[in-house]
Amino acid sequence: MTKSPEDLIARALVPYGDRPDAVQVARLVDDLLTAGLQTGYKRHAVPEAEQSHALKAAVQEWCDLVRTGPRSETGNPNWDFARALARNLQRLVAALPQQQPAVSP
């Protein structure tokens, strides 16, 4: 089953009290990491000169998040990491140029 970035973002950005159990959080983190990697690769389809500052910043922030991994003072580092990944993925998706639908002859 394909999980869209938007679906993953929605799952991670629920109210804090509605967070899933630890196993579901681990799966969500894995799915978010995969979606972020796939979305980040789409950046390469955009010529360097046309990449916005927002896109470059979102990619850099993604790399920083992945490099540092889960860190939190709340006692729920994986859940906080999932939410941070989701917020960044949201910015990354928004910063990518929207593809125009193909026009049929």
C-alpha atoms as a PDB file:
ATOM      1  CA  MET A   1       0.000   0.000   0.000  1.00  0.00           C
ATOM      2  CA  THR A   2       1.396   3.374  -1.021  1.00  0.00           C
ATOM      3  CA  LYS A   3       1.371   5.957   1.718  1.00  0.00           C
ATOM      4  CA  SER A   4       1.208   9.508   0.466  1.00  0.00           C
ATOM      5  CA  PRO A   5       3.237  12.193   2.222  1.00  0.00           C
ATOM      6  CA  GLU A   6      -0.021  13.978   3.024  1.00  0.00           C
ATOM      7  CA  ASP A   7      -1.471  10.889   4.755  1.00  0.00           C
ATOM      8  CA  LEU A   8       1.699  10.363   6.768  1.00  0.00           C
ATOM      9  CA  ILE A   9       1.787  14.033   7.774  1.00  0.00           C
ATOM     10  CA  ALA A  10      -1.831  13.844   8.924  1.00  0.00           C
ATOM     11  CA  ARG A  11      -1.076  10.704  11.003  1.00  0.00           C
ATOM     12  CA  ALA A  12       1.875  12.375  12.721  1.00  0.00           C
ATOM     13  CA  LEU A  13       0.317  15.749  13.417  1.00  0.00           C
ATOM     14  CA  VAL A  14      -2.605  14.561  15.514  1.00  0.00           C
ATOM     15  CA  PRO A  15      -3.058  16.037  18.995  1.00  0.00           C
ATOM     16  CA  TYR A  16      -0.314  14.860  21.340  1.00  0.00           C
ATOM     17  CA  GLY A  17      -2.731  12.838  23.470  1.00  0.00           C
ATOM     18  CA  ASP A  18      -3.839  10.863  20.389  1.00  0.00           C
ATOM     19  CA  ARG A  19      -0.380   9.536  19.569  1.00  0.00           C
ATOM     20  CA  PRO A  20      -0.218   5.878  18.576  1.00  0.00           C
ATOM     21  CA  ASP A  21       1.581   3.175  20.530  1.00  0.00           C
ATOM     22  CA  ALA A  22       5.360   2.756  20.321  1.00  0.00           C
ATOM     23  CA  VAL A  23       5.278   0.141  17.534  1.00  0.00           C
ATOM     24  CA  GLN A  24       2.990   2.287  15.389  1.00  0.00           C
ATOM     25  CA  VAL A  25       5.232   5.308  16.014  1.00  0.00           C
ATOM     26  CA  ALA A  26       8.267   3.295  14.869  1.00  0.00           C
ATOM     27  CA  ARG A  27       6.451   2.313  11.673  1.00  0.00           C
ATOM     28  CA  LEU A  28       5.360   5.911  11.138  1.00  0.00           C
ATOM     29  CA  VAL A  29       8.945   7.153  11.524  1.00  0.00           C
ATOM     30  CA  ASP A  30      10.098   4.559   8.990  1.00  0.00           C
ATOM     31  CA  ASP A  31       7.350   5.570   6.545  1.00  0.00           C
ATOM     32  CA  LEU A  32       8.125   9.279   7.019  1.00  0.00           C
ATOM     33  CA  LEU A  33      11.831   8.682   6.395  1.00  0.00           C
ATOM     34  CA  THR A  34      11.011   6.806   3.194  1.00  0.00           C
ATOM     35  CA  ALA A  35       8.555   9.471   2.009  1.00  0.00           C
ATOM     36  CA  GLY A  36      11.036  12.236   2.779  1.00  0.00           C
ATOM     37  CA  LEU A  37      13.760  10.492   0.822  1.00  0.00           C
ATOM     38  CA  GLN A  38      11.444   9.952  -2.152  1.00  0.00           C
ATOM     39  CA  THR A  39      10.188  13.535  -2.009  1.00  0.00           C
ATOM     40  CA  GLY A  40      13.710  14.891  -1.663  1.00  0.00           C
ATOM     41  CA  TYR A  41      14.773  13.059  -4.818  1.00  0.00           C
ATOM     42  CA  LYS A  42      12.086  14.971  -6.735  1.00  0.00           C
ATOM     43  CA  ARG A  43      14.178  18.066  -6.105  1.00  0.00           C
ATOM     44  CA  HIS A  44      16.687  16.777  -8.645  1.00  0.00           C
ATOM     45  CA  ALA A  45      14.065  17.141 -11.394  1.00  0.00           C
ATOM     46  CA  VAL A  46      14.088  20.902 -10.751  1.00  0.00           C
ATOM     47  CA  PRO A  47      17.001  22.727 -12.387  1.00  0.00           C
ATOM     48  CA  GLU A  48      19.359  24.171  -9.758  1.00  0.00           C
ATOM     49  CA  ALA A  49      18.666  27.730 -10.921  1.00  0.00           C
ATOM     50  CA  GLU A  50      14.920  27.199 -10.413  1.00  0.00           C
ATOM     51  CA  GLN A  51      15.126  25.723  -6.913  1.00  0.00           C
ATOM     52  CA  SER A  52      13.606  28.128  -4.423  1.00  0.00           C
ATOM     53  CA  HIS A  53      15.229  29.121  -1.153  1.00  0.00           C
ATOM     54  CA  ALA A  54      12.343  27.346   0.627  1.00  0.00           C
ATOM     55  CA  LEU A  55      13.103  24.097  -1.203  1.00  0.00           C
ATOM     56  CA  LYS A  56      16.825  24.246  -0.457  1.00  0.00           C
ATOM     57  CA  ALA A  57      16.127  25.101   3.192  1.00  0.00           C
ATOM     58  CA  ALA A  58      13.625  22.236   3.566  1.00  0.00           C
ATOM     59  CA  VAL A  59      16.125  19.764   2.089  1.00  0.00           C
ATOM     60  CA  GLN A  60      18.885  21.013   4.401  1.00  0.00           C
ATOM     61  CA  GLU A  61      16.609  20.800   7.432  1.00  0.00           C
ATOM     62  CA  TRP A  62      15.595  17.261   6.411  1.00  0.00           C
ATOM     63  CA  CYS A  63      19.241  16.227   6.246  1.00  0.00           C
ATOM     64  CA  ASP A  64      19.897  17.775   9.663  1.00  0.00           C
ATOM     65  CA  LEU A  65      16.889  16.006  11.222  1.00  0.00           C
ATOM     66  CA  VAL A  66      17.888  12.629   9.813  1.00  0.00           C
ATOM     67  CA  ARG A  67      21.507  13.092  10.865  1.00  0.00           C
ATOM     68  CA  THR A  68      20.650  13.965  14.475  1.00  0.00           C
ATOM     69  CA  GLY A  69      17.787  11.481  14.856  1.00  0.00           C
ATOM     70  CA  PRO A  70      15.321  11.379  17.732  1.00  0.00           C
ATOM     71  CA  ARG A  71      16.222  13.759  20.558  1.00  0.00           C
ATOM     72  CA  SER A  72      13.745  15.078  23.045  1.00  0.00           C
ATOM     73  CA  GLU A  73      13.343  16.109  26.627  1.00  0.00           C
ATOM     74  CA  THR A  74       9.676  15.042  26.736  1.00  0.00           C
ATOM     75  CA  GLY A  75      10.213  11.337  27.280  1.00  0.00           C
ATOM     76  CA  ASN A  76       8.737  10.564  23.848  1.00  0.00           C
ATOM     77  CA  PRO A  77      11.697  11.114  21.512  1.00  0.00           C
ATOM     78  CA  ASN A  78      10.431   8.896  18.690  1.00  0.00           C
ATOM     79  CA  TRP A  79       7.017  10.571  18.671  1.00  0.00           C
ATOM     80  CA  ASP A  80       8.607  14.017  18.721  1.00  0.00           C
ATOM     81  CA  PHE A  81      10.934  12.917  15.906  1.00  0.00           C
ATOM     82  CA  ALA A  82       7.969  11.692  13.833  1.00  0.00           C
ATOM     83  CA  ARG A  83       6.247  15.035  14.299  1.00  0.00           C
ATOM     84  CA  ALA A  84       9.391  16.967  13.359  1.00  0.00           C
ATOM     85  CA  LEU A  85       9.819  14.827  10.243  1.00  0.00           C
ATOM     86  CA  ALA A  86       6.165  15.375   9.317  1.00  0.00           C
ATOM     87  CA  ARG A  87       6.400  19.164   9.709  1.00  0.00           C
ATOM     88  CA  ASN A  88       9.539  19.228   7.575  1.00  0.00           C
ATOM     89  CA  LEU A  89       8.028  16.888   4.971  1.00  0.00           C
ATOM     90  CA  GLN A  90       5.075  19.268   4.804  1.00  0.00           C
ATOM     91  CA  ARG A  91       7.440  22.157   3.996  1.00  0.00           C
ATOM     92  CA  LEU A  92       9.348  20.034   1.497  1.00  0.00           C
ATOM     93  CA  VAL A  93       6.173  19.037  -0.379  1.00  0.00           C
ATOM     94  CA  ALA A  94       4.945  22.633  -0.386  1.00  0.00           C
ATOM     95  CA  ALA A  95       8.285  23.922  -1.700  1.00  0.00           C
ATOM     96  CA  LEU A  96       8.413  21.570  -4.682  1.00  0.00           C
ATOM     97  CA  PRO A  97       7.025  23.082  -7.883  1.00  0.00           C
ATOM     98  CA  GLN A  98       3.599  21.657  -8.661  1.00  0.00           C
ATOM     99  CA  GLN A  99       3.539  19.453 -11.715  1.00  0.00           C
ATOM    100  CA  GLN A 100       1.189  20.525 -14.446  1.00  0.00           C
ATOM    101  CA  PRO A 101      -1.213  17.814 -15.615  1.00  0.00           C
ATOM    102  CA  ALA A 102      -0.491  16.413 -19.040  1.00  0.00           C
ATOM    103  CA  VAL A 103      -2.732  17.832 -21.758  1.00  0.00           C
ATOM    104  CA  SER A 104      -4.368  15.284 -24.027  1.00  0.00           C
ATOM    105  CA  PRO A 105      -4.450  16.032 -27.759  1.00  0.00           C
END
